[in-house]
Amino acid sequence: MKFFVDTAEIDAIAELNDLGMVDGVTTNPSLIKKSGRDIIEVTKEICDLVDGPVSAEVTATDAETMIAEGRKLVEIAENIAVKVPLTWDGLKACKTLSDDGHMVNVTLCFSANQALLAAKAGATFISPFIGRLDDINLDGMELIEDIRIIYDNYGFETQILAASIRSVNHVLDSARIGADVITAPPAVIKAMVNHPLTDKGLDAFLADIKAAEIKIL
């Protein structure tokens, strides 16, 4: 499974990237705006830092302008994936941009039918939003499973990018089902290392080391 980091914070991306935990980055204009910096400048910095795909989102809602914005975004770096919404206009933009040879991430997916349309339109990634479905008492993982079955049935190459990840359990369940990618905030990825028995075992180990006065250096 690939790990994408859902942030525009350069330091957080760099820390995880140094550990080999970053296969790509997803971000959006609102995340970058919070940093108070220029969108193009921050996106380029992320692309220079990370080898994998960096999703950069269009701000338009009509197909023609989305295509124009997408073509501008891909000029930033070769690893840009243009992020478009799962609307009819978004699918038109996806088809044109993917035919041009660009990576496209179709986002805001909430049904398997939508995912099927995105794959037919040539999407590189489909981003089903797990957490937002959970928020309205639907099972986001059922959507991931449905998309996995459909894509496997027909050999679609579109990668399932599980998004709106809120917890380490979301990551685990996505891995079990077979999502190709998860995108999560740095805090969720770092929380995956935590386990109370690891902490308990380490405390006992350190106590034994201290009692035995063992030192390596």
N, C-alpha and C. Protein backbone atom coordinates (compact mmCIF):
# COMPACT_ATOMS: atom_id res chain seq x y z
N MET A 1 0.84 -1.19 0.00
CA MET A 1 0.00 0.00 0.00
C MET A 1 0.87 1.25 0.00
N LYS A 2 0.46 2.24 -0.81
CA LYS A 2 1.18 3.51 -0.84
C LYS A 2 0.61 4.46 0.21
N PHE A 3 1.51 5.24 0.80
CA PHE A 3 1.10 6.26 1.77
C PHE A 3 1.25 7.64 1.14
N PHE A 4 0.15 8.35 1.00
CA PHE A 4 0.20 9.75 0.62
C PHE A 4 -0.07 10.56 1.89
N VAL A 5 0.58 11.71 2.00
CA VAL A 5 0.39 12.58 3.16
C VAL A 5 -0.55 13.71 2.77
N ASP A 6 -1.58 13.90 3.58
CA ASP A 6 -2.59 14.91 3.29
C ASP A 6 -2.28 16.18 4.08
N THR A 7 -1.40 16.99 3.53
CA THR A 7 -1.00 18.22 4.20
C THR A 7 -0.24 19.11 3.23
N ALA A 8 -0.10 20.37 3.62
CA ALA A 8 0.74 21.29 2.86
C ALA A 8 1.91 21.77 3.71
N GLU A 9 2.09 21.14 4.88
CA GLU A 9 3.16 21.52 5.80
C GLU A 9 4.47 20.86 5.36
N ILE A 10 5.39 21.68 4.89
CA ILE A 10 6.64 21.16 4.33
C ILE A 10 7.44 20.36 5.35
N ASP A 11 7.55 20.87 6.57
CA ASP A 11 8.34 20.18 7.60
C ASP A 11 7.77 18.80 7.91
N ALA A 12 6.45 18.71 7.97
CA ALA A 12 5.81 17.43 8.27
C ALA A 12 6.03 16.43 7.14
N ILE A 13 5.95 16.91 5.91
CA ILE A 13 6.20 16.04 4.76
C ILE A 13 7.64 15.56 4.76
N ALA A 14 8.57 16.48 5.02
CA ALA A 14 10.00 16.15 5.00
C ALA A 14 10.34 15.10 6.06
N GLU A 15 9.76 15.23 7.25
CA GLU A 15 10.05 14.28 8.32
C GLU A 15 9.64 12.86 7.92
N LEU A 16 8.44 12.72 7.39
CA LEU A 16 7.97 11.40 6.98
C LEU A 16 8.69 10.89 5.74
N ASN A 17 9.02 11.80 4.86
CA ASN A 17 9.72 11.43 3.63
C ASN A 17 11.11 10.86 3.94
N ASP A 18 11.77 11.43 4.93
CA ASP A 18 13.09 10.95 5.33
C ASP A 18 13.04 9.52 5.85
N LEU A 19 11.88 9.11 6.35
CA LEU A 19 11.71 7.75 6.87
C LEU A 19 11.18 6.78 5.81
N GLY A 20 10.99 7.29 4.59
CA GLY A 20 10.46 6.44 3.53
C GLY A 20 8.98 6.19 3.63
N MET A 21 8.27 7.06 4.36
CA MET A 21 6.84 6.88 4.58
C MET A 21 5.97 7.70 3.62
N VAL A 22 6.57 8.34 2.64
CA VAL A 22 5.81 9.20 1.74
C VAL A 22 5.96 8.69 0.30
N ASP A 23 4.83 8.24 -0.26
CA ASP A 23 4.81 7.85 -1.67
C ASP A 23 4.16 8.92 -2.53
N GLY A 24 3.61 9.93 -1.89
CA GLY A 24 2.96 11.03 -2.59
C GLY A 24 2.33 11.98 -1.60
N VAL A 25 1.74 13.03 -2.11
CA VAL A 25 1.12 14.06 -1.26
C VAL A 25 -0.21 14.47 -1.88
N THR A 26 -1.21 14.67 -1.03
CA THR A 26 -2.45 15.30 -1.49
C THR A 26 -2.61 16.60 -0.72
N THR A 27 -3.02 17.61 -1.44
CA THR A 27 -3.25 18.90 -0.80
C THR A 27 -4.35 19.60 -1.56
N ASN A 28 -4.75 20.76 -1.09
CA ASN A 28 -5.77 21.54 -1.77
C ASN A 28 -5.54 23.02 -1.47
N PRO A 29 -6.17 23.90 -2.23
CA PRO A 29 -5.92 25.33 -2.04
C PRO A 29 -6.19 25.84 -0.63
N SER A 30 -7.20 25.27 0.04
CA SER A 30 -7.51 25.75 1.38
C SER A 30 -6.42 25.36 2.38
N LEU A 31 -5.84 24.15 2.21
CA LEU A 31 -4.74 23.74 3.08
C LEU A 31 -3.53 24.65 2.89
N ILE A 32 -3.23 24.98 1.64
CA ILE A 32 -2.08 25.84 1.37
C ILE A 32 -2.33 27.26 1.86
N LYS A 33 -3.56 27.73 1.71
CA LYS A 33 -3.88 29.10 2.14
C LYS A 33 -3.64 29.28 3.63
N LYS A 34 -3.88 28.20 4.40
CA LYS A 34 -3.66 28.28 5.85
C LYS A 34 -2.20 28.57 6.18
N SER A 35 -1.30 28.21 5.27
CA SER A 35 0.13 28.47 5.50
C SER A 35 0.48 29.92 5.20
N GLY A 36 -0.43 30.64 4.54
CA GLY A 36 -0.18 32.04 4.21
C GLY A 36 0.78 32.24 3.06
N ARG A 37 1.03 31.18 2.29
CA ARG A 37 1.99 31.26 1.19
C ARG A 37 1.30 31.09 -0.16
N ASP A 38 2.02 31.37 -1.22
CA ASP A 38 1.51 31.27 -2.58
C ASP A 38 1.30 29.79 -2.95
N ILE A 39 0.16 29.51 -3.59
CA ILE A 39 -0.20 28.13 -3.93
C ILE A 39 0.83 27.49 -4.85
N ILE A 40 1.21 28.19 -5.90
CA ILE A 40 2.16 27.63 -6.86
C ILE A 40 3.52 27.39 -6.21
N GLU A 41 3.94 28.34 -5.39
CA GLU A 41 5.24 28.24 -4.72
C GLU A 41 5.30 27.03 -3.80
N VAL A 42 4.25 26.86 -2.98
CA VAL A 42 4.23 25.73 -2.04
C VAL A 42 4.15 24.41 -2.78
N THR A 43 3.32 24.36 -3.81
CA THR A 43 3.17 23.12 -4.58
C THR A 43 4.48 22.72 -5.22
N LYS A 44 5.21 23.68 -5.78
CA LYS A 44 6.50 23.38 -6.39
C LYS A 44 7.49 22.86 -5.35
N GLU A 45 7.48 23.45 -4.16
CA GLU A 45 8.39 23.01 -3.10
C GLU A 45 8.09 21.57 -2.71
N ILE A 46 6.81 21.23 -2.62
CA ILE A 46 6.43 19.85 -2.29
C ILE A 46 6.87 18.90 -3.40
N CYS A 47 6.67 19.29 -4.65
CA CYS A 47 7.06 18.44 -5.79
C CYS A 47 8.56 18.21 -5.82
N ASP A 48 9.33 19.21 -5.43
CA ASP A 48 10.78 19.07 -5.41
C ASP A 48 11.22 18.12 -4.29
N LEU A 49 10.43 18.06 -3.24
CA LEU A 49 10.78 17.26 -2.06
C LEU A 49 10.40 15.78 -2.24
N VAL A 50 9.27 15.55 -2.90
CA VAL A 50 8.69 14.20 -2.99
C VAL A 50 8.79 13.68 -4.42
N ASP A 51 9.18 12.41 -4.55
CA ASP A 51 9.30 11.81 -5.88
C ASP A 51 7.95 11.41 -6.47
N GLY A 52 7.02 11.01 -5.60
CA GLY A 52 5.74 10.50 -6.06
C GLY A 52 4.75 11.58 -6.44
N PRO A 53 3.52 11.17 -6.79
CA PRO A 53 2.50 12.12 -7.25
C PRO A 53 2.12 13.13 -6.18
N VAL A 54 1.95 14.36 -6.61
CA VAL A 54 1.48 15.43 -5.73
C VAL A 54 0.18 15.96 -6.33
N SER A 55 -0.92 15.75 -5.62
CA SER A 55 -2.21 16.18 -6.12
C SER A 55 -2.40 17.67 -5.87
N ALA A 56 -2.66 18.39 -6.95
CA ALA A 56 -2.92 19.83 -6.88
C ALA A 56 -4.32 20.06 -7.45
N GLU A 57 -5.16 20.74 -6.69
CA GLU A 57 -6.58 20.82 -7.02
C GLU A 57 -6.94 22.07 -7.82
N VAL A 58 -7.80 21.88 -8.79
CA VAL A 58 -8.33 23.02 -9.54
C VAL A 58 -9.35 23.75 -8.66
N THR A 59 -9.61 25.01 -8.98
CA THR A 59 -10.58 25.78 -8.22
C THR A 59 -11.86 26.04 -9.01
N ALA A 60 -11.82 25.81 -10.33
CA ALA A 60 -12.98 26.05 -11.18
C ALA A 60 -13.99 24.91 -11.05
N THR A 61 -15.22 25.16 -11.53
CA THR A 61 -16.25 24.13 -11.52
C THR A 61 -16.73 23.75 -12.92
N ASP A 62 -16.37 24.54 -13.94
CA ASP A 62 -16.74 24.19 -15.31
C ASP A 62 -15.57 23.50 -15.99
N ALA A 63 -15.90 22.61 -16.92
CA ALA A 63 -14.89 21.76 -17.54
C ALA A 63 -13.79 22.55 -18.24
N GLU A 64 -14.18 23.55 -19.01
CA GLU A 64 -13.21 24.30 -19.79
C GLU A 64 -12.16 24.96 -18.91
N THR A 65 -12.61 25.59 -17.82
CA THR A 65 -11.66 26.27 -16.93
C THR A 65 -10.85 25.26 -16.13
N MET A 66 -11.48 24.15 -15.74
CA MET A 66 -10.74 23.10 -15.04
C MET A 66 -9.59 22.58 -15.89
N ILE A 67 -9.87 22.39 -17.16
CA ILE A 67 -8.83 21.90 -18.08
C ILE A 67 -7.70 22.92 -18.18
N ALA A 68 -8.07 24.20 -18.30
CA ALA A 68 -7.05 25.25 -18.40
C ALA A 68 -6.22 25.32 -17.13
N GLU A 69 -6.88 25.24 -15.97
CA GLU A 69 -6.15 25.28 -14.69
C GLU A 69 -5.26 24.04 -14.56
N GLY A 70 -5.80 22.88 -14.97
CA GLY A 70 -5.01 21.65 -14.89
C GLY A 70 -3.75 21.73 -15.73
N ARG A 71 -3.87 22.29 -16.93
CA ARG A 71 -2.71 22.42 -17.79
C ARG A 71 -1.68 23.39 -17.23
N LYS A 72 -2.15 24.36 -16.47
CA LYS A 72 -1.21 25.27 -15.81
C LYS A 72 -0.53 24.58 -14.64
N LEU A 73 -1.30 23.79 -13.88
CA LEU A 73 -0.74 23.11 -12.72
C LEU A 73 0.34 22.09 -13.11
N VAL A 74 0.12 21.38 -14.22
CA VAL A 74 1.11 20.35 -14.60
C VAL A 74 2.42 20.96 -15.06
N GLU A 75 2.43 22.26 -15.32
CA GLU A 75 3.69 22.93 -15.67
C GLU A 75 4.60 23.09 -14.46
N ILE A 76 4.05 22.94 -13.27
CA ILE A 76 4.84 23.11 -12.05
C ILE A 76 5.91 22.03 -11.95
N ALA A 77 5.52 20.78 -12.21
CA ALA A 77 6.46 19.65 -12.10
C ALA A 77 5.87 18.43 -12.79
N GLU A 78 6.72 17.48 -13.12
CA GLU A 78 6.27 16.27 -13.82
C GLU A 78 5.43 15.36 -12.93
N ASN A 79 5.56 15.49 -11.60
CA ASN A 79 4.82 14.59 -10.71
C ASN A 79 3.51 15.17 -10.21
N ILE A 80 3.00 16.19 -10.87
CA ILE A 80 1.70 16.75 -10.50
C ILE A 80 0.58 15.82 -10.97
N ALA A 81 -0.37 15.57 -10.08
CA ALA A 81 -1.63 14.93 -10.44
C ALA A 81 -2.72 15.97 -10.26
N VAL A 82 -3.43 16.26 -11.32
CA VAL A 82 -4.46 17.29 -11.25
C VAL A 82 -5.68 16.71 -10.54
N LYS A 83 -6.12 17.41 -9.49
CA LYS A 83 -7.27 16.94 -8.73
C LYS A 83 -8.53 17.67 -9.20
N VAL A 84 -9.53 16.89 -9.62
CA VAL A 84 -10.79 17.46 -10.09
C VAL A 84 -11.94 16.81 -9.33
N PRO A 85 -13.06 17.52 -9.18
CA PRO A 85 -14.20 16.95 -8.45
C PRO A 85 -14.98 15.96 -9.29
N LEU A 86 -15.68 15.06 -8.61
CA LEU A 86 -16.45 14.06 -9.31
C LEU A 86 -17.83 14.62 -9.69
N THR A 87 -17.79 15.49 -10.68
CA THR A 87 -18.99 16.05 -11.29
C THR A 87 -18.93 15.70 -12.77
N TRP A 88 -19.99 15.99 -13.51
CA TRP A 88 -19.96 15.72 -14.94
C TRP A 88 -18.86 16.55 -15.62
N ASP A 89 -18.74 17.82 -15.20
CA ASP A 89 -17.67 18.66 -15.75
C ASP A 89 -16.30 18.15 -15.32
N GLY A 90 -16.22 17.66 -14.09
CA GLY A 90 -14.96 17.10 -13.63
C GLY A 90 -14.54 15.89 -14.44
N LEU A 91 -15.52 15.05 -14.81
CA LEU A 91 -15.22 13.89 -15.63
C LEU A 91 -14.76 14.30 -17.04
N LYS A 92 -15.38 15.36 -17.57
CA LYS A 92 -14.94 15.87 -18.88
C LYS A 92 -13.48 16.34 -18.80
N ALA A 93 -13.17 17.06 -17.72
CA ALA A 93 -11.80 17.53 -17.53
C ALA A 93 -10.85 16.36 -17.35
N CYS A 94 -11.28 15.36 -16.60
CA CYS A 94 -10.47 14.16 -16.37
C CYS A 94 -10.13 13.49 -17.70
N LYS A 95 -11.13 13.31 -18.54
CA LYS A 95 -10.92 12.64 -19.82
C LYS A 95 -9.92 13.40 -20.69
N THR A 96 -10.08 14.72 -20.77
CA THR A 96 -9.17 15.52 -21.60
C THR A 96 -7.76 15.50 -21.06
N LEU A 97 -7.61 15.73 -19.75
CA LEU A 97 -6.28 15.79 -19.15
C LEU A 97 -5.58 14.43 -19.18
N SER A 98 -6.33 13.37 -18.94
CA SER A 98 -5.72 12.03 -18.99
C SER A 98 -5.34 11.67 -20.42
N ASP A 99 -6.15 12.09 -21.39
CA ASP A 99 -5.79 11.86 -22.80
C ASP A 99 -4.53 12.63 -23.18
N ASP A 100 -4.30 13.76 -22.50
CA ASP A 100 -3.08 14.55 -22.73
C ASP A 100 -1.85 13.90 -22.10
N GLY A 101 -2.08 12.84 -21.30
CA GLY A 101 -0.97 12.14 -20.67
C GLY A 101 -0.68 12.58 -19.25
N HIS A 102 -1.61 13.32 -18.63
CA HIS A 102 -1.41 13.81 -17.27
C HIS A 102 -2.10 12.92 -16.25
N MET A 103 -1.54 12.83 -15.06
CA MET A 103 -2.19 12.12 -13.96
C MET A 103 -3.37 12.95 -13.46
N VAL A 104 -4.48 12.26 -13.17
CA VAL A 104 -5.68 12.93 -12.67
C VAL A 104 -6.20 12.19 -11.45
N ASN A 105 -6.47 12.95 -10.40
CA ASN A 105 -7.07 12.43 -9.18
C ASN A 105 -8.50 12.96 -9.10
N VAL A 106 -9.47 12.06 -9.24
CA VAL A 106 -10.87 12.46 -9.16
C VAL A 106 -11.32 12.32 -7.71
N THR A 107 -11.72 13.44 -7.13
CA THR A 107 -11.97 13.50 -5.70
C THR A 107 -13.46 13.68 -5.39
N LEU A 108 -13.78 13.62 -4.10
CA LEU A 108 -15.16 13.75 -3.63
C LEU A 108 -16.04 12.63 -4.18
N CYS A 109 -15.53 11.41 -4.10
CA CYS A 109 -16.28 10.23 -4.52
C CYS A 109 -17.02 9.65 -3.33
N PHE A 110 -18.33 9.42 -3.52
CA PHE A 110 -19.14 8.88 -2.43
C PHE A 110 -19.99 7.68 -2.84
N SER A 111 -19.80 7.20 -4.07
CA SER A 111 -20.54 6.00 -4.49
C SER A 111 -19.70 5.19 -5.47
N ALA A 112 -20.01 3.91 -5.55
CA ALA A 112 -19.30 3.02 -6.48
C ALA A 112 -19.61 3.37 -7.93
N ASN A 113 -20.83 3.83 -8.18
CA ASN A 113 -21.18 4.26 -9.54
C ASN A 113 -20.31 5.42 -9.99
N GLN A 114 -20.08 6.36 -9.08
CA GLN A 114 -19.20 7.49 -9.40
C GLN A 114 -17.79 6.98 -9.71
N ALA A 115 -17.32 6.04 -8.93
CA ALA A 115 -15.97 5.49 -9.13
C ALA A 115 -15.86 4.79 -10.48
N LEU A 116 -16.93 4.12 -10.88
CA LEU A 116 -16.94 3.45 -12.17
C LEU A 116 -16.84 4.46 -13.31
N LEU A 117 -17.57 5.56 -13.20
CA LEU A 117 -17.50 6.62 -14.21
C LEU A 117 -16.09 7.21 -14.29
N ALA A 118 -15.48 7.44 -13.13
CA ALA A 118 -14.14 8.03 -13.11
C ALA A 118 -13.13 7.11 -13.80
N ALA A 119 -13.25 5.82 -13.54
CA ALA A 119 -12.34 4.87 -14.19
C ALA A 119 -12.53 4.88 -15.70
N LYS A 120 -13.78 4.93 -16.15
CA LYS A 120 -14.07 4.99 -17.58
C LYS A 120 -13.51 6.26 -18.21
N ALA A 121 -13.45 7.35 -17.43
CA ALA A 121 -12.94 8.62 -17.93
C ALA A 121 -11.42 8.69 -17.88
N GLY A 122 -10.76 7.62 -17.39
CA GLY A 122 -9.31 7.56 -17.41
C GLY A 122 -8.61 8.09 -16.19
N ALA A 123 -9.32 8.17 -15.07
CA ALA A 123 -8.71 8.69 -13.83
C ALA A 123 -7.50 7.83 -13.42
N THR A 124 -6.45 8.49 -12.98
CA THR A 124 -5.30 7.78 -12.41
C THR A 124 -5.64 7.31 -11.00
N PHE A 125 -6.29 8.19 -10.24
CA PHE A 125 -6.70 7.90 -8.87
C PHE A 125 -8.18 8.24 -8.70
N ILE A 126 -8.87 7.45 -7.88
CA ILE A 126 -10.21 7.81 -7.43
C ILE A 126 -10.14 7.96 -5.92
N SER A 127 -10.69 9.05 -5.40
CA SER A 127 -10.59 9.35 -3.97
C SER A 127 -11.94 9.26 -3.28
N PRO A 128 -12.32 8.05 -2.80
CA PRO A 128 -13.53 7.92 -1.98
C PRO A 128 -13.27 8.47 -0.58
N PHE A 129 -14.24 9.21 -0.05
CA PHE A 129 -14.06 9.89 1.23
C PHE A 129 -14.70 9.06 2.35
N ILE A 130 -13.86 8.34 3.07
CA ILE A 130 -14.33 7.42 4.10
C ILE A 130 -14.96 8.16 5.28
N GLY A 131 -14.21 9.09 5.86
CA GLY A 131 -14.65 9.77 7.07
C GLY A 131 -15.96 10.52 6.89
N ARG A 132 -16.13 11.16 5.75
CA ARG A 132 -17.35 11.93 5.54
C ARG A 132 -18.57 11.03 5.40
N LEU A 133 -18.40 9.82 4.88
CA LEU A 133 -19.50 8.87 4.87
C LEU A 133 -19.82 8.40 6.29
N ASP A 134 -18.78 8.13 7.06
CA ASP A 134 -18.99 7.75 8.46
C ASP A 134 -19.76 8.84 9.22
N ASP A 135 -19.49 10.09 8.86
CA ASP A 135 -20.15 11.21 9.55
C ASP A 135 -21.66 11.19 9.39
N ILE A 136 -22.16 10.61 8.29
CA ILE A 136 -23.61 10.56 8.06
C ILE A 136 -24.14 9.13 8.25
N ASN A 137 -23.41 8.37 9.09
CA ASN A 137 -23.82 7.03 9.49
C ASN A 137 -23.87 6.02 8.34
N LEU A 138 -23.01 6.21 7.36
CA LEU A 138 -22.80 5.21 6.32
C LEU A 138 -21.42 4.62 6.52
N ASP A 139 -21.20 3.43 6.01
CA ASP A 139 -19.93 2.72 6.20
C ASP A 139 -18.99 3.03 5.03
N GLY A 140 -18.02 3.90 5.28
CA GLY A 140 -17.07 4.26 4.24
C GLY A 140 -16.29 3.08 3.70
N MET A 141 -16.05 2.09 4.54
CA MET A 141 -15.29 0.92 4.11
C MET A 141 -16.06 0.05 3.13
N GLU A 142 -17.37 0.06 3.23
CA GLU A 142 -18.17 -0.68 2.25
C GLU A 142 -17.96 -0.10 0.85
N LEU A 143 -17.82 1.22 0.78
CA LEU A 143 -17.56 1.86 -0.51
C LEU A 143 -16.21 1.42 -1.07
N ILE A 144 -15.18 1.41 -0.23
CA ILE A 144 -13.86 0.96 -0.68
C ILE A 144 -13.95 -0.47 -1.21
N GLU A 145 -14.66 -1.32 -0.49
CA GLU A 145 -14.78 -2.72 -0.90
C GLU A 145 -15.53 -2.85 -2.22
N ASP A 146 -16.62 -2.09 -2.38
CA ASP A 146 -17.39 -2.14 -3.62
C ASP A 146 -16.54 -1.71 -4.83
N ILE A 147 -15.77 -0.64 -4.64
CA ILE A 147 -14.93 -0.16 -5.74
C ILE A 147 -13.85 -1.18 -6.07
N ARG A 148 -13.27 -1.79 -5.04
CA ARG A 148 -12.23 -2.81 -5.27
C ARG A 148 -12.79 -3.96 -6.11
N ILE A 149 -13.98 -4.41 -5.76
CA ILE A 149 -14.59 -5.53 -6.50
C ILE A 149 -14.84 -5.14 -7.96
N ILE A 150 -15.41 -3.97 -8.16
CA ILE A 150 -15.73 -3.52 -9.52
C ILE A 150 -14.48 -3.35 -10.37
N TYR A 151 -13.48 -2.69 -9.81
CA TYR A 151 -12.24 -2.48 -10.57
C TYR A 151 -11.55 -3.79 -10.90
N ASP A 152 -11.57 -4.73 -9.95
CA ASP A 152 -10.95 -6.03 -10.20
C ASP A 152 -11.75 -6.83 -11.23
N ASN A 153 -13.07 -6.68 -11.19
CA ASN A 153 -13.92 -7.42 -12.15
C ASN A 153 -13.56 -7.07 -13.59
N TYR A 154 -13.23 -5.80 -13.82
CA TYR A 154 -13.08 -5.34 -15.20
C TYR A 154 -11.68 -4.86 -15.55
N GLY A 155 -10.76 -5.05 -14.63
CA GLY A 155 -9.36 -4.74 -14.94
C GLY A 155 -9.05 -3.26 -15.07
N PHE A 156 -9.81 -2.42 -14.39
CA PHE A 156 -9.50 -0.99 -14.43
C PHE A 156 -8.18 -0.72 -13.73
N GLU A 157 -7.38 0.18 -14.30
CA GLU A 157 -6.08 0.50 -13.72
C GLU A 157 -6.14 1.68 -12.76
N THR A 158 -7.27 2.34 -12.67
CA THR A 158 -7.44 3.46 -11.72
C THR A 158 -7.15 2.97 -10.31
N GLN A 159 -6.32 3.71 -9.60
CA GLN A 159 -5.93 3.33 -8.24
C GLN A 159 -6.91 3.89 -7.22
N ILE A 160 -7.30 3.06 -6.27
CA ILE A 160 -8.20 3.48 -5.19
C ILE A 160 -7.38 4.20 -4.13
N LEU A 161 -7.66 5.48 -3.96
CA LEU A 161 -6.95 6.33 -3.02
C LEU A 161 -7.91 6.66 -1.87
N ALA A 162 -7.85 5.88 -0.80
CA ALA A 162 -8.75 6.09 0.32
C ALA A 162 -8.44 7.42 1.00
N ALA A 163 -9.44 8.30 1.03
CA ALA A 163 -9.25 9.65 1.55
C ALA A 163 -10.19 9.91 2.73
N SER A 164 -10.06 11.09 3.31
CA SER A 164 -10.80 11.43 4.51
C SER A 164 -10.55 10.39 5.60
N ILE A 165 -9.28 10.02 5.73
CA ILE A 165 -8.84 9.06 6.75
C ILE A 165 -8.78 9.78 8.08
N ARG A 166 -9.48 9.24 9.07
CA ARG A 166 -9.57 9.91 10.38
C ARG A 166 -8.83 9.16 11.49
N SER A 167 -8.52 7.89 11.27
CA SER A 167 -7.97 7.09 12.36
C SER A 167 -7.06 6.00 11.82
N VAL A 168 -6.30 5.38 12.73
CA VAL A 168 -5.43 4.27 12.33
C VAL A 168 -6.26 3.07 11.91
N ASN A 169 -7.47 2.93 12.44
CA ASN A 169 -8.34 1.84 12.03
C ASN A 169 -8.79 2.01 10.58
N HIS A 170 -8.98 3.25 10.14
CA HIS A 170 -9.29 3.50 8.73
C HIS A 170 -8.15 2.98 7.85
N VAL A 171 -6.93 3.22 8.28
CA VAL A 171 -5.76 2.76 7.51
C VAL A 171 -5.74 1.24 7.45
N LEU A 172 -5.93 0.60 8.60
CA LEU A 172 -5.90 -0.86 8.68
C LEU A 172 -6.99 -1.48 7.81
N ASP A 173 -8.20 -0.96 7.91
CA ASP A 173 -9.31 -1.52 7.14
C ASP A 173 -9.10 -1.32 5.64
N SER A 174 -8.55 -0.17 5.27
CA SER A 174 -8.26 0.08 3.85
C SER A 174 -7.23 -0.90 3.32
N ALA A 175 -6.24 -1.21 4.15
CA ALA A 175 -5.21 -2.17 3.75
C ALA A 175 -5.79 -3.57 3.61
N ARG A 176 -6.67 -3.93 4.52
CA ARG A 176 -7.29 -5.26 4.46
C ARG A 176 -8.12 -5.43 3.18
N ILE A 177 -8.86 -4.39 2.83
CA ILE A 177 -9.75 -4.46 1.67
C ILE A 177 -8.96 -4.44 0.37
N GLY A 178 -7.82 -3.74 0.39
CA GLY A 178 -6.98 -3.70 -0.80
C GLY A 178 -6.95 -2.37 -1.51
N ALA A 179 -7.18 -1.27 -0.78
CA ALA A 179 -7.00 0.05 -1.37
C ALA A 179 -5.56 0.17 -1.83
N ASP A 180 -5.36 0.81 -2.97
CA ASP A 180 -3.99 0.96 -3.48
C ASP A 180 -3.20 2.00 -2.70
N VAL A 181 -3.90 3.02 -2.23
CA VAL A 181 -3.27 4.17 -1.57
C VAL A 181 -4.16 4.64 -0.44
N ILE A 182 -3.56 5.14 0.63
CA ILE A 182 -4.31 5.93 1.61
C ILE A 182 -3.66 7.30 1.67
N THR A 183 -4.48 8.31 1.89
CA THR A 183 -3.91 9.63 2.16
C THR A 183 -4.42 10.07 3.52
N ALA A 184 -3.51 10.44 4.38
CA ALA A 184 -3.87 10.74 5.77
C ALA A 184 -3.01 11.88 6.29
N PRO A 185 -3.52 12.60 7.28
CA PRO A 185 -2.71 13.63 7.93
C PRO A 185 -1.48 13.00 8.59
N PRO A 186 -0.41 13.75 8.72
CA PRO A 186 0.80 13.21 9.36
C PRO A 186 0.53 12.61 10.73
N ALA A 187 -0.36 13.22 11.52
CA ALA A 187 -0.63 12.72 12.87
C ALA A 187 -1.19 11.30 12.85
N VAL A 188 -2.03 10.99 11.87
CA VAL A 188 -2.60 9.64 11.79
C VAL A 188 -1.52 8.63 11.41
N ILE A 189 -0.68 8.98 10.46
CA ILE A 189 0.39 8.06 10.05
C ILE A 189 1.35 7.80 11.22
N LYS A 190 1.70 8.86 11.94
CA LYS A 190 2.61 8.69 13.07
C LYS A 190 1.96 7.90 14.20
N ALA A 191 0.64 8.01 14.34
CA ALA A 191 -0.06 7.29 15.41
C ALA A 191 -0.08 5.79 15.19
N MET A 192 0.22 5.35 13.97
CA MET A 192 0.21 3.93 13.67
C MET A 192 1.28 3.17 14.44
N VAL A 193 2.29 3.88 14.92
CA VAL A 193 3.37 3.22 15.66
C VAL A 193 2.97 2.90 17.10
N ASN A 194 1.90 3.52 17.59
CA ASN A 194 1.55 3.42 19.00
C ASN A 194 0.84 2.12 19.35
N HIS A 195 1.24 1.52 20.46
CA HIS A 195 0.53 0.38 21.04
C HIS A 195 0.87 0.31 22.53
N PRO A 196 -0.13 0.15 23.39
CA PRO A 196 0.14 0.16 24.84
C PRO A 196 1.07 -0.97 25.27
N LEU A 197 1.03 -2.10 24.61
CA LEU A 197 1.92 -3.20 25.00
C LEU A 197 3.36 -2.91 24.60
N THR A 198 3.55 -2.17 23.51
CA THR A 198 4.91 -1.74 23.15
C THR A 198 5.45 -0.82 24.24
N ASP A 199 4.63 0.14 24.67
CA ASP A 199 5.04 1.07 25.73
C ASP A 199 5.33 0.33 27.03
N LYS A 200 4.47 -0.63 27.37
CA LYS A 200 4.66 -1.40 28.59
C LYS A 200 5.94 -2.23 28.52
N GLY A 201 6.13 -2.87 27.37
CA GLY A 201 7.33 -3.70 27.20
C GLY A 201 8.60 -2.88 27.26
N LEU A 202 8.57 -1.69 26.67
CA LEU A 202 9.76 -0.83 26.68
C LEU A 202 10.06 -0.35 28.09
N ASP A 203 9.02 0.00 28.84
CA ASP A 203 9.23 0.44 30.24
C ASP A 203 9.88 -0.67 31.06
N ALA A 204 9.41 -1.92 30.85
CA ALA A 204 9.99 -3.04 31.60
C ALA A 204 11.44 -3.28 31.17
N PHE A 205 11.70 -3.18 29.87
CA PHE A 205 13.06 -3.35 29.36
C PHE A 205 14.00 -2.31 29.95
N LEU A 206 13.57 -1.05 29.95
CA LEU A 206 14.42 0.03 30.49
C LEU A 206 14.66 -0.15 31.98
N ALA A 207 13.65 -0.65 32.69
CA ALA A 207 13.83 -0.89 34.12
C ALA A 207 14.88 -1.97 34.36
N ASP A 208 14.85 -3.03 33.54
CA ASP A 208 15.83 -4.10 33.68
C ASP A 208 17.24 -3.60 33.35
N ILE A 209 17.34 -2.78 32.30
CA ILE A 209 18.64 -2.23 31.91
C ILE A 209 19.22 -1.36 33.01
N LYS A 210 18.34 -0.54 33.59
CA LYS A 210 18.80 0.35 34.66
C LYS A 210 19.25 -0.44 35.87
N ALA A 211 18.46 -1.46 36.23
CA ALA A 211 18.80 -2.27 37.41
C ALA A 211 20.12 -3.02 37.22
N ALA A 212 20.38 -3.46 35.98
CA ALA A 212 21.59 -4.24 35.71
C ALA A 212 22.77 -3.33 35.37
N GLU A 213 22.52 -2.03 35.29
CA GLU A 213 23.54 -1.04 34.97
C GLU A 213 24.27 -1.39 33.66
N ILE A 214 23.48 -1.74 32.64
CA ILE A 214 24.03 -2.13 31.35
C ILE A 214 24.16 -0.89 30.48
N LYS A 215 25.30 -0.73 29.85
CA LYS A 215 25.54 0.38 28.93
C LYS A 215 26.30 -0.11 27.69
N ILE A 216 25.94 0.40 26.56
CA ILE A 216 26.66 0.05 25.32
C ILE A 216 27.67 1.13 24.97
N LEU A 217 27.30 2.38 25.19
CA LEU A 217 28.23 3.48 24.94
C LEU A 217 28.48 4.24 26.23
